[in-house]
């Protein structure tokens, strides 16, 4: 593919010759086989496939041990890891518990490494939700600096009960502020899966986080592997539709 726009000084040789060919009988050719003028110049159009980067930010606090929540989350993420491997997408995993968050799976397409790390992921302790959101967002920003041609999708799995402060403010207020910052970044798409058991004591905090992030919101019963794959696949299709046909032309 080629264009008449002069932008990159990346000559499309064949296209330039084709553009000049019809005018050769009218041009002076002094010791040259083909006379090329500036209006004939064509440049190459470079195409780059946009890749998806799915970053799971998962609550590994003590509450995730109830009602087999972590087992459901692991099964869903492992299924998505397999799906990402087949599509050559990248996937990462941030886990938060106790008083910190950590990247336990750096951006990768390695299904073997993903299985190993997910199988060994323990639960316990408090819920440092702000730490998890900040760590995931920093990882996304780092990936975007390396490759601006990616579509990041942050999938947050939590009950939303933030109870560890990072900046000295009330934990939930901090989490909502960070969620708003992420939501204001139009490069990042978000999806929240609420694992809180619904009932009279439910606080609905995950839904508030989702609202601040502008995220799509789902409940625990949607966490089954096949359902989550469909949710993420639907979000990726929407991302690519909004960004074009998946091709960036430079």
C-alpha atoms as a PDB file:
ATOM      1  CA  UNK A   1       0.000   0.000   0.000  1.00  0.00           C
ATOM      2  CA  UNK A   2       1.167   3.532  -0.726  1.00  0.00           C
ATOM      3  CA  UNK A   3       0.141   7.154  -0.381  1.00  0.00           C
ATOM      4  CA  UNK A   4       0.890  10.501  -2.042  1.00  0.00           C
ATOM      5  CA  UNK A   5       1.319  12.109   1.383  1.00  0.00           C
ATOM      6  CA  UNK A   6       4.949  12.978   2.091  1.00  0.00           C
ATOM      7  CA  UNK A   7       5.459  12.139   5.716  1.00  0.00           C
ATOM      8  CA  UNK A   8       8.061   9.481   6.490  1.00  0.00           C
ATOM      9  CA  UNK A   9      10.490   9.644   3.537  1.00  0.00           C
ATOM     10  CA  UNK A  10       9.834   5.932   3.140  1.00  0.00           C
ATOM     11  CA  UNK A  11       9.817   5.537  -0.645  1.00  0.00           C
ATOM     12  CA  UNK A  12       7.352   3.123  -2.204  1.00  0.00           C
ATOM     13  CA  UNK A  13       9.537   2.342  -5.233  1.00  0.00           C
ATOM     14  CA  UNK A  14       7.078   0.295  -7.301  1.00  0.00           C
ATOM     15  CA  UNK A  15       4.205   2.714  -6.739  1.00  0.00           C
ATOM     16  CA  UNK A  16       6.399   5.686  -7.655  1.00  0.00           C
ATOM     17  CA  UNK A  17       7.429   4.043 -10.941  1.00  0.00           C
ATOM     18  CA  UNK A  18       3.821   3.248 -11.783  1.00  0.00           C
ATOM     19  CA  UNK A  19       2.818   6.867 -11.124  1.00  0.00           C
ATOM     20  CA  UNK A  20       5.610   8.188 -13.375  1.00  0.00           C
ATOM     21  CA  UNK A  21       5.221   5.703 -16.240  1.00  0.00           C
ATOM     22  CA  UNK A  22       2.297   7.326 -18.136  1.00  0.00           C
ATOM     23  CA  UNK A  23       4.191  10.618 -18.516  1.00  0.00           C
ATOM     24  CA  UNK A  24       7.530   9.373 -19.849  1.00  0.00           C
ATOM     25  CA  UNK A  25       6.806  10.321 -23.483  1.00  0.00           C
ATOM     26  CA  UNK A  26       6.327  13.956 -22.479  1.00  0.00           C
ATOM     27  CA  UNK A  27       9.346  14.275 -20.162  1.00  0.00           C
ATOM     28  CA  UNK A  28      12.965  14.950 -20.905  1.00  0.00           C
ATOM     29  CA  UNK A  29      15.088  11.949 -19.976  1.00  0.00           C
ATOM     30  CA  UNK A  30      18.745  12.881 -19.949  1.00  0.00           C
ATOM     31  CA  UNK A  31      20.773   9.727 -19.360  1.00  0.00           C
ATOM     32  CA  UNK A  32      18.018   8.183 -17.230  1.00  0.00           C
ATOM     33  CA  UNK A  33      15.618   5.387 -18.059  1.00  0.00           C
ATOM     34  CA  UNK A  34      12.688   6.973 -16.246  1.00  0.00           C
ATOM     35  CA  UNK A  35      12.159  10.653 -15.381  1.00  0.00           C
ATOM     36  CA  UNK A  36      10.587  11.038 -11.959  1.00  0.00           C
ATOM     37  CA  UNK A  37       9.097  14.269 -10.675  1.00  0.00           C
ATOM     38  CA  UNK A  38       8.066  15.174  -7.162  1.00  0.00           C
ATOM     39  CA  UNK A  39       4.389  14.618  -7.966  1.00  0.00           C
ATOM     40  CA  UNK A  40       5.176  10.955  -8.720  1.00  0.00           C
ATOM     41  CA  UNK A  41       6.647  10.192  -5.309  1.00  0.00           C
ATOM     42  CA  UNK A  42       4.697   7.684  -3.264  1.00  0.00           C
ATOM     43  CA  UNK A  43       5.462   6.608   0.285  1.00  0.00           C
ATOM     44  CA  UNK A  44       4.803   3.283   1.937  1.00  0.00           C
ATOM     45  CA  UNK A  45       1.924   2.842   4.315  1.00  0.00           C
ATOM     46  CA  UNK A  46       3.124   0.863   7.293  1.00  0.00           C
ATOM     47  CA  UNK A  47       0.608  -1.332   9.034  1.00  0.00           C
ATOM     48  CA  UNK A  48       0.838  -2.471  12.617  1.00  0.00           C
ATOM     49  CA  UNK A  49      -1.469  -4.950  14.280  1.00  0.00           C
ATOM     50  CA  UNK A  50      -2.938  -3.668  17.509  1.00  0.00           C
ATOM     51  CA  UNK A  51      -2.597  -6.204  20.319  1.00  0.00           C
ATOM     52  CA  UNK A  52      -4.691  -6.683  23.418  1.00  0.00           C
ATOM     53  CA  UNK A  53      -3.248  -6.550  26.919  1.00  0.00           C
ATOM     54  CA  UNK A  54      -5.517  -7.967  29.627  1.00  0.00           C
ATOM     55  CA  UNK A  55      -4.383  -7.164  33.171  1.00  0.00           C
ATOM     56  CA  UNK A  56      -6.215  -9.011  35.944  1.00  0.00           C
ATOM     57  CA  UNK A  57      -6.205  -7.211  39.267  1.00  0.00           C
ATOM     58  CA  UNK A  58      -7.376  -9.764  41.762  1.00  0.00           C
ATOM     59  CA  UNK A  59      -8.298  -9.492  45.413  1.00  0.00           C
ATOM     60  CA  UNK A  60      -6.311 -12.188  47.254  1.00  0.00           C
ATOM     61  CA  UNK A  61      -7.426 -11.092  50.725  1.00  0.00           C
ATOM     62  CA  UNK A  62      -8.987 -13.423  53.269  1.00  0.00           C
ATOM     63  CA  UNK A  63     -12.525 -12.811  52.039  1.00  0.00           C
ATOM     64  CA  UNK A  64     -11.643 -14.431  48.698  1.00  0.00           C
ATOM     65  CA  UNK A  65     -11.367 -17.783  50.478  1.00  0.00           C
ATOM     66  CA  UNK A  66     -15.114 -17.800  51.180  1.00  0.00           C
ATOM     67  CA  UNK A  67     -17.584 -19.607  48.947  1.00  0.00           C
ATOM     68  CA  UNK A  68     -14.800 -20.839  46.628  1.00  0.00           C
ATOM     69  CA  UNK A  69     -14.378 -17.326  45.232  1.00  0.00           C
ATOM     70  CA  UNK A  70     -10.678 -17.744  44.504  1.00  0.00           C
ATOM     71  CA  UNK A  71     -11.218 -21.113  42.845  1.00  0.00           C
ATOM     72  CA  UNK A  72     -13.744 -19.534  40.509  1.00  0.00           C
ATOM     73  CA  UNK A  73     -11.407 -16.630  39.792  1.00  0.00           C
ATOM     74  CA  UNK A  74      -8.460 -18.943  39.086  1.00  0.00           C
ATOM     75  CA  UNK A  75     -10.477 -21.094  36.720  1.00  0.00           C
ATOM     76  CA  UNK A  76     -11.671 -18.071  34.774  1.00  0.00           C
ATOM     77  CA  UNK A  77      -8.224 -16.495  34.526  1.00  0.00           C
ATOM     78  CA  UNK A  78      -6.574 -19.734  33.443  1.00  0.00           C
ATOM     79  CA  UNK A  79      -9.175 -20.154  30.719  1.00  0.00           C
ATOM     80  CA  UNK A  80      -8.553 -16.601  29.568  1.00  0.00           C
ATOM     81  CA  UNK A  81      -4.818 -17.222  29.614  1.00  0.00           C
ATOM     82  CA  UNK A  82      -5.339 -20.091  27.196  1.00  0.00           C
ATOM     83  CA  UNK A  83      -7.561 -17.889  25.036  1.00  0.00           C
ATOM     84  CA  UNK A  84      -4.959 -15.093  25.059  1.00  0.00           C
ATOM     85  CA  UNK A  85      -2.223 -17.571  24.127  1.00  0.00           C
ATOM     86  CA  UNK A  86      -4.181 -18.725  21.096  1.00  0.00           C
ATOM     87  CA  UNK A  87      -4.725 -15.125  19.982  1.00  0.00           C
ATOM     88  CA  UNK A  88      -1.158 -14.088  20.847  1.00  0.00           C
ATOM     89  CA  UNK A  89      -2.486 -11.432  23.196  1.00  0.00           C
ATOM     90  CA  UNK A  90      -0.607 -10.494  26.338  1.00  0.00           C
ATOM     91  CA  UNK A  91      -1.957 -11.074  29.804  1.00  0.00           C
ATOM     92  CA  UNK A  92      -0.756  -9.982  33.247  1.00  0.00           C
ATOM     93  CA  UNK A  93      -1.812 -10.521  36.831  1.00  0.00           C
ATOM     94  CA  UNK A  94      -1.679  -8.227  39.852  1.00  0.00           C
ATOM     95  CA  UNK A  95      -2.682  -9.641  43.238  1.00  0.00           C
ATOM     96  CA  UNK A  96      -3.310  -7.574  46.353  1.00  0.00           C
ATOM     97  CA  UNK A  97      -3.627  -8.678  49.966  1.00  0.00           C
ATOM     98  CA  UNK A  98      -2.295  -7.797  53.409  1.00  0.00           C
ATOM     99  CA  UNK A  99      -0.641  -4.412  53.054  1.00  0.00           C
ATOM    100  CA  UNK A 100       0.637  -4.548  49.467  1.00  0.00           C
ATOM    101  CA  UNK A 101       0.038  -5.439  45.843  1.00  0.00           C
ATOM    102  CA  UNK A 102       2.454  -7.172  43.522  1.00  0.00           C
ATOM    103  CA  UNK A 103       2.755  -8.122  39.887  1.00  0.00           C
ATOM    104  CA  UNK A 104       2.782 -11.900  40.088  1.00  0.00           C
ATOM    105  CA  UNK A 105       2.506 -12.366  36.324  1.00  0.00           C
ATOM    106  CA  UNK A 106       4.314  -9.766  34.203  1.00  0.00           C
ATOM    107  CA  UNK A 107       2.936  -9.178  30.694  1.00  0.00           C
ATOM    108  CA  UNK A 108       3.308 -12.490  28.885  1.00  0.00           C
ATOM    109  CA  UNK A 109       1.747 -15.006  26.537  1.00  0.00           C
ATOM    110  CA  UNK A 110       3.347 -17.918  28.395  1.00  0.00           C
ATOM    111  CA  UNK A 111       0.558 -20.239  29.390  1.00  0.00           C
ATOM    112  CA  UNK A 112       2.916 -22.481  31.387  1.00  0.00           C
ATOM    113  CA  UNK A 113       4.101 -19.632  33.602  1.00  0.00           C
ATOM    114  CA  UNK A 114       0.557 -18.383  34.048  1.00  0.00           C
ATOM    115  CA  UNK A 115      -0.703 -21.783  35.190  1.00  0.00           C
ATOM    116  CA  UNK A 116       2.136 -22.163  37.656  1.00  0.00           C
ATOM    117  CA  UNK A 117       1.646 -18.765  39.269  1.00  0.00           C
ATOM    118  CA  UNK A 118      -2.129 -19.044  39.459  1.00  0.00           C
ATOM    119  CA  UNK A 119      -2.056 -22.495  41.027  1.00  0.00           C
ATOM    120  CA  UNK A 120       0.282 -21.263  43.752  1.00  0.00           C
ATOM    121  CA  UNK A 121      -1.623 -18.044  44.541  1.00  0.00           C
ATOM    122  CA  UNK A 122      -2.654 -18.078  48.246  1.00  0.00           C
ATOM    123  CA  UNK A 123      -5.299 -15.924  49.962  1.00  0.00           C
ATOM    124  CA  UNK A 124      -5.341 -14.177  53.338  1.00  0.00           C
ATOM    125  CA  UNK A 125      -5.113 -10.832  55.105  1.00  0.00           C
ATOM    126  CA  UNK A 126      -6.688  -7.448  54.550  1.00  0.00           C
ATOM    127  CA  UNK A 127      -7.775  -5.752  51.320  1.00  0.00           C
ATOM    128  CA  UNK A 128      -5.311  -3.099  50.034  1.00  0.00           C
ATOM    129  CA  UNK A 129      -7.483  -2.207  47.036  1.00  0.00           C
ATOM    130  CA  UNK A 130      -5.781   1.133  46.382  1.00  0.00           C
ATOM    131  CA  UNK A 131      -2.418  -0.638  46.161  1.00  0.00           C
ATOM    132  CA  UNK A 132      -3.868  -3.082  43.630  1.00  0.00           C
ATOM    133  CA  UNK A 133      -5.359  -0.397  41.415  1.00  0.00           C
ATOM    134  CA  UNK A 134      -2.191   1.735  41.475  1.00  0.00           C
ATOM    135  CA  UNK A 135       0.043  -1.257  40.700  1.00  0.00           C
ATOM    136  CA  UNK A 136      -2.144  -2.370  37.791  1.00  0.00           C
ATOM    137  CA  UNK A 137      -2.326   1.145  36.376  1.00  0.00           C
ATOM    138  CA  UNK A 138       1.431   1.599  36.611  1.00  0.00           C
ATOM    139  CA  UNK A 139       1.912  -1.695  34.780  1.00  0.00           C
ATOM    140  CA  UNK A 140      -0.453  -0.557  32.033  1.00  0.00           C
ATOM    141  CA  UNK A 141       1.353   2.776  31.690  1.00  0.00           C
ATOM    142  CA  UNK A 142       4.678   0.959  31.475  1.00  0.00           C
ATOM    143  CA  UNK A 143       3.375  -1.272  28.677  1.00  0.00           C
ATOM    144  CA  UNK A 144       1.939   1.687  26.789  1.00  0.00           C
ATOM    145  CA  UNK A 145       5.314   3.418  26.885  1.00  0.00           C
ATOM    146  CA  UNK A 146       6.900   0.314  25.375  1.00  0.00           C
ATOM    147  CA  UNK A 147       4.162  -0.227  22.838  1.00  0.00           C
ATOM    148  CA  UNK A 148       1.538   2.485  22.252  1.00  0.00           C
ATOM    149  CA  UNK A 149      -0.240   0.161  19.825  1.00  0.00           C
ATOM    150  CA  UNK A 150      -1.949  -1.960  22.475  1.00  0.00           C
ATOM    151  CA  UNK A 151      -5.420  -1.966  23.943  1.00  0.00           C
ATOM    152  CA  UNK A 152      -5.216  -2.390  27.727  1.00  0.00           C
ATOM    153  CA  UNK A 153      -8.161  -3.953  29.516  1.00  0.00           C
ATOM    154  CA  UNK A 154      -8.101  -3.904  33.320  1.00  0.00           C
ATOM    155  CA  UNK A 155     -10.249  -6.635  34.890  1.00  0.00           C
ATOM    156  CA  UNK A 156     -10.760  -6.041  38.624  1.00  0.00           C
ATOM    157  CA  UNK A 157     -12.027  -8.956  40.740  1.00  0.00           C
ATOM    158  CA  UNK A 158     -12.879  -7.913  44.325  1.00  0.00           C
ATOM    159  CA  UNK A 159     -15.561  -7.387  46.958  1.00  0.00           C
ATOM    160  CA  UNK A 160     -14.506  -3.731  47.056  1.00  0.00           C
ATOM    161  CA  UNK A 161     -14.004  -3.600  50.830  1.00  0.00           C
ATOM    162  CA  UNK A 162     -10.858  -1.513  50.812  1.00  0.00           C
ATOM    163  CA  UNK A 163      -9.415  -1.382  54.334  1.00  0.00           C
ATOM    164  CA  UNK A 164      -5.717  -0.530  53.943  1.00  0.00           C
ATOM    165  CA  UNK A 165      -4.546   3.038  53.342  1.00  0.00           C
ATOM    166  CA  UNK A 166      -1.746   3.901  50.937  1.00  0.00           C
ATOM    167  CA  UNK A 167      -1.640   7.701  51.265  1.00  0.00           C
ATOM    168  CA  UNK A 168      -2.970   8.231  54.787  1.00  0.00           C
ATOM    169  CA  UNK A 169      -6.570   8.948  53.782  1.00  0.00           C
ATOM    170  CA  UNK A 170      -9.561   6.714  54.434  1.00  0.00           C
ATOM    171  CA  UNK A 171      -8.955   3.505  52.429  1.00  0.00           C
ATOM    172  CA  UNK A 172     -12.228   3.548  50.500  1.00  0.00           C
ATOM    173  CA  UNK A 173     -11.900   7.219  49.641  1.00  0.00           C
ATOM    174  CA  UNK A 174      -8.410   6.551  48.304  1.00  0.00           C
ATOM    175  CA  UNK A 175      -9.637   3.657  46.172  1.00  0.00           C
ATOM    176  CA  UNK A 176     -12.427   5.746  44.688  1.00  0.00           C
ATOM    177  CA  UNK A 177      -9.972   8.545  43.814  1.00  0.00           C
ATOM    178  CA  UNK A 178      -7.612   6.132  42.060  1.00  0.00           C
ATOM    179  CA  UNK A 179     -10.548   4.501  40.273  1.00  0.00           C
ATOM    180  CA  UNK A 180     -11.553   7.934  38.995  1.00  0.00           C
ATOM    181  CA  UNK A 181      -8.028   8.603  37.700  1.00  0.00           C
ATOM    182  CA  UNK A 182      -8.078   5.320  35.781  1.00  0.00           C
ATOM    183  CA  UNK A 183     -11.550   6.067  34.488  1.00  0.00           C
ATOM    184  CA  UNK A 184     -10.373   9.409  33.111  1.00  0.00           C
ATOM    185  CA  UNK A 185      -7.672   7.716  31.032  1.00  0.00           C
ATOM    186  CA  UNK A 186      -9.379   6.994  27.719  1.00  0.00           C
ATOM    187  CA  UNK A 187      -6.583   4.606  26.705  1.00  0.00           C
ATOM    188  CA  UNK A 188      -7.709   2.077  29.331  1.00  0.00           C
ATOM    189  CA  UNK A 189     -10.888   0.011  29.365  1.00  0.00           C
ATOM    190  CA  UNK A 190     -12.112  -1.510  32.613  1.00  0.00           C
ATOM    191  CA  UNK A 191     -14.311  -4.318  33.827  1.00  0.00           C
ATOM    192  CA  UNK A 192     -15.255  -5.099  37.451  1.00  0.00           C
ATOM    193  CA  UNK A 193     -16.396  -8.462  38.793  1.00  0.00           C
ATOM    194  CA  UNK A 194     -18.037  -8.110  42.219  1.00  0.00           C
ATOM    195  CA  UNK A 195     -17.462 -11.137  44.464  1.00  0.00           C
ATOM    196  CA  UNK A 196     -19.391  -9.756  47.442  1.00  0.00           C
ATOM    197  CA  UNK A 197     -22.223 -11.978  48.623  1.00  0.00           C
ATOM    198  CA  UNK A 198     -25.457 -10.123  48.083  1.00  0.00           C
ATOM    199  CA  UNK A 199     -27.794  -9.691  51.049  1.00  0.00           C
ATOM    200  CA  UNK A 200     -28.739  -7.322  53.890  1.00  0.00           C
ATOM    201  CA  UNK A 201     -25.077  -6.802  54.870  1.00  0.00           C
ATOM    202  CA  UNK A 202     -23.804  -6.126  51.373  1.00  0.00           C
ATOM    203  CA  UNK A 203     -22.140  -2.718  50.991  1.00  0.00           C
ATOM    204  CA  UNK A 204     -22.057  -2.502  47.197  1.00  0.00           C
ATOM    205  CA  UNK A 205     -18.548  -1.047  47.197  1.00  0.00           C
ATOM    206  CA  UNK A 206     -17.369  -2.817  44.048  1.00  0.00           C
ATOM    207  CA  UNK A 207     -20.222  -1.234  42.150  1.00  0.00           C
ATOM    208  CA  UNK A 208     -19.121   2.202  43.378  1.00  0.00           C
ATOM    209  CA  UNK A 209     -15.576   1.458  42.188  1.00  0.00           C
ATOM    210  CA  UNK A 210     -16.958   0.401  38.818  1.00  0.00           C
ATOM    211  CA  UNK A 211     -18.947   3.608  38.531  1.00  0.00           C
ATOM    212  CA  UNK A 212     -15.874   5.729  39.269  1.00  0.00           C
ATOM    213  CA  UNK A 213     -13.842   3.869  36.663  1.00  0.00           C
ATOM    214  CA  UNK A 214     -16.612   3.876  34.085  1.00  0.00           C
ATOM    215  CA  UNK A 215     -16.234   0.098  34.101  1.00  0.00           C
ATOM    216  CA  UNK A 216     -18.611  -2.603  33.016  1.00  0.00           C
ATOM    217  CA  UNK A 217     -19.931  -4.276  36.149  1.00  0.00           C
ATOM    218  CA  UNK A 218     -20.689  -7.957  36.759  1.00  0.00           C
ATOM    219  CA  UNK A 219     -21.528 -10.167  39.738  1.00  0.00           C
ATOM    220  CA  UNK A 220     -19.880 -13.248  41.234  1.00  0.00           C
ATOM    221  CA  UNK A 221     -22.137 -15.646  39.399  1.00  0.00           C
ATOM    222  CA  UNK A 222     -20.709 -14.315  36.134  1.00  0.00           C
ATOM    223  CA  UNK A 223     -17.216 -15.393  37.203  1.00  0.00           C
ATOM    224  CA  UNK A 224     -17.512 -18.857  35.682  1.00  0.00           C
ATOM    225  CA  UNK A 225     -14.756 -19.307  33.137  1.00  0.00           C
ATOM    226  CA  UNK A 226     -16.907 -19.406  30.016  1.00  0.00           C
ATOM    227  CA  UNK A 227     -18.983 -16.399  31.065  1.00  0.00           C
ATOM    228  CA  UNK A 228     -15.914 -14.294  31.873  1.00  0.00           C
ATOM    229  CA  UNK A 229     -14.321 -15.184  28.546  1.00  0.00           C
ATOM    230  CA  UNK A 230     -17.458 -13.989  26.784  1.00  0.00           C
ATOM    231  CA  UNK A 231     -17.447 -10.748  28.806  1.00  0.00           C
ATOM    232  CA  UNK A 232     -13.801 -10.005  28.065  1.00  0.00           C
ATOM    233  CA  UNK A 233     -14.152 -10.988  24.417  1.00  0.00           C
ATOM    234  CA  UNK A 234     -17.126  -8.641  24.099  1.00  0.00           C
ATOM    235  CA  UNK A 235     -15.161  -5.796  25.683  1.00  0.00           C
ATOM    236  CA  UNK A 236     -12.176  -6.387  23.364  1.00  0.00           C
ATOM    237  CA  UNK A 237     -14.448  -6.346  20.305  1.00  0.00           C
ATOM    238  CA  UNK A 238     -15.885  -3.023  21.468  1.00  0.00           C
ATOM    239  CA  UNK A 239     -12.399  -1.614  22.071  1.00  0.00           C
ATOM    240  CA  UNK A 240     -11.256  -2.595  18.584  1.00  0.00           C
ATOM    241  CA  UNK A 241     -14.440  -1.221  17.032  1.00  0.00           C
ATOM    242  CA  UNK A 242     -13.871   2.130  18.734  1.00  0.00           C
ATOM    243  CA  UNK A 243     -10.254   2.154  17.652  1.00  0.00           C
ATOM    244  CA  UNK A 244     -10.854   1.125  14.070  1.00  0.00           C
ATOM    245  CA  UNK A 245     -10.332  -2.197  12.391  1.00  0.00           C
ATOM    246  CA  UNK A 246      -7.383  -3.238  14.517  1.00  0.00           C
ATOM    247  CA  UNK A 247      -4.796  -1.642  12.205  1.00  0.00           C
ATOM    248  CA  UNK A 248      -2.806   1.499  12.842  1.00  0.00           C
ATOM    249  CA  UNK A 249      -1.503   3.202   9.714  1.00  0.00           C
ATOM    250  CA  UNK A 250       1.520   5.432  10.152  1.00  0.00           C
END
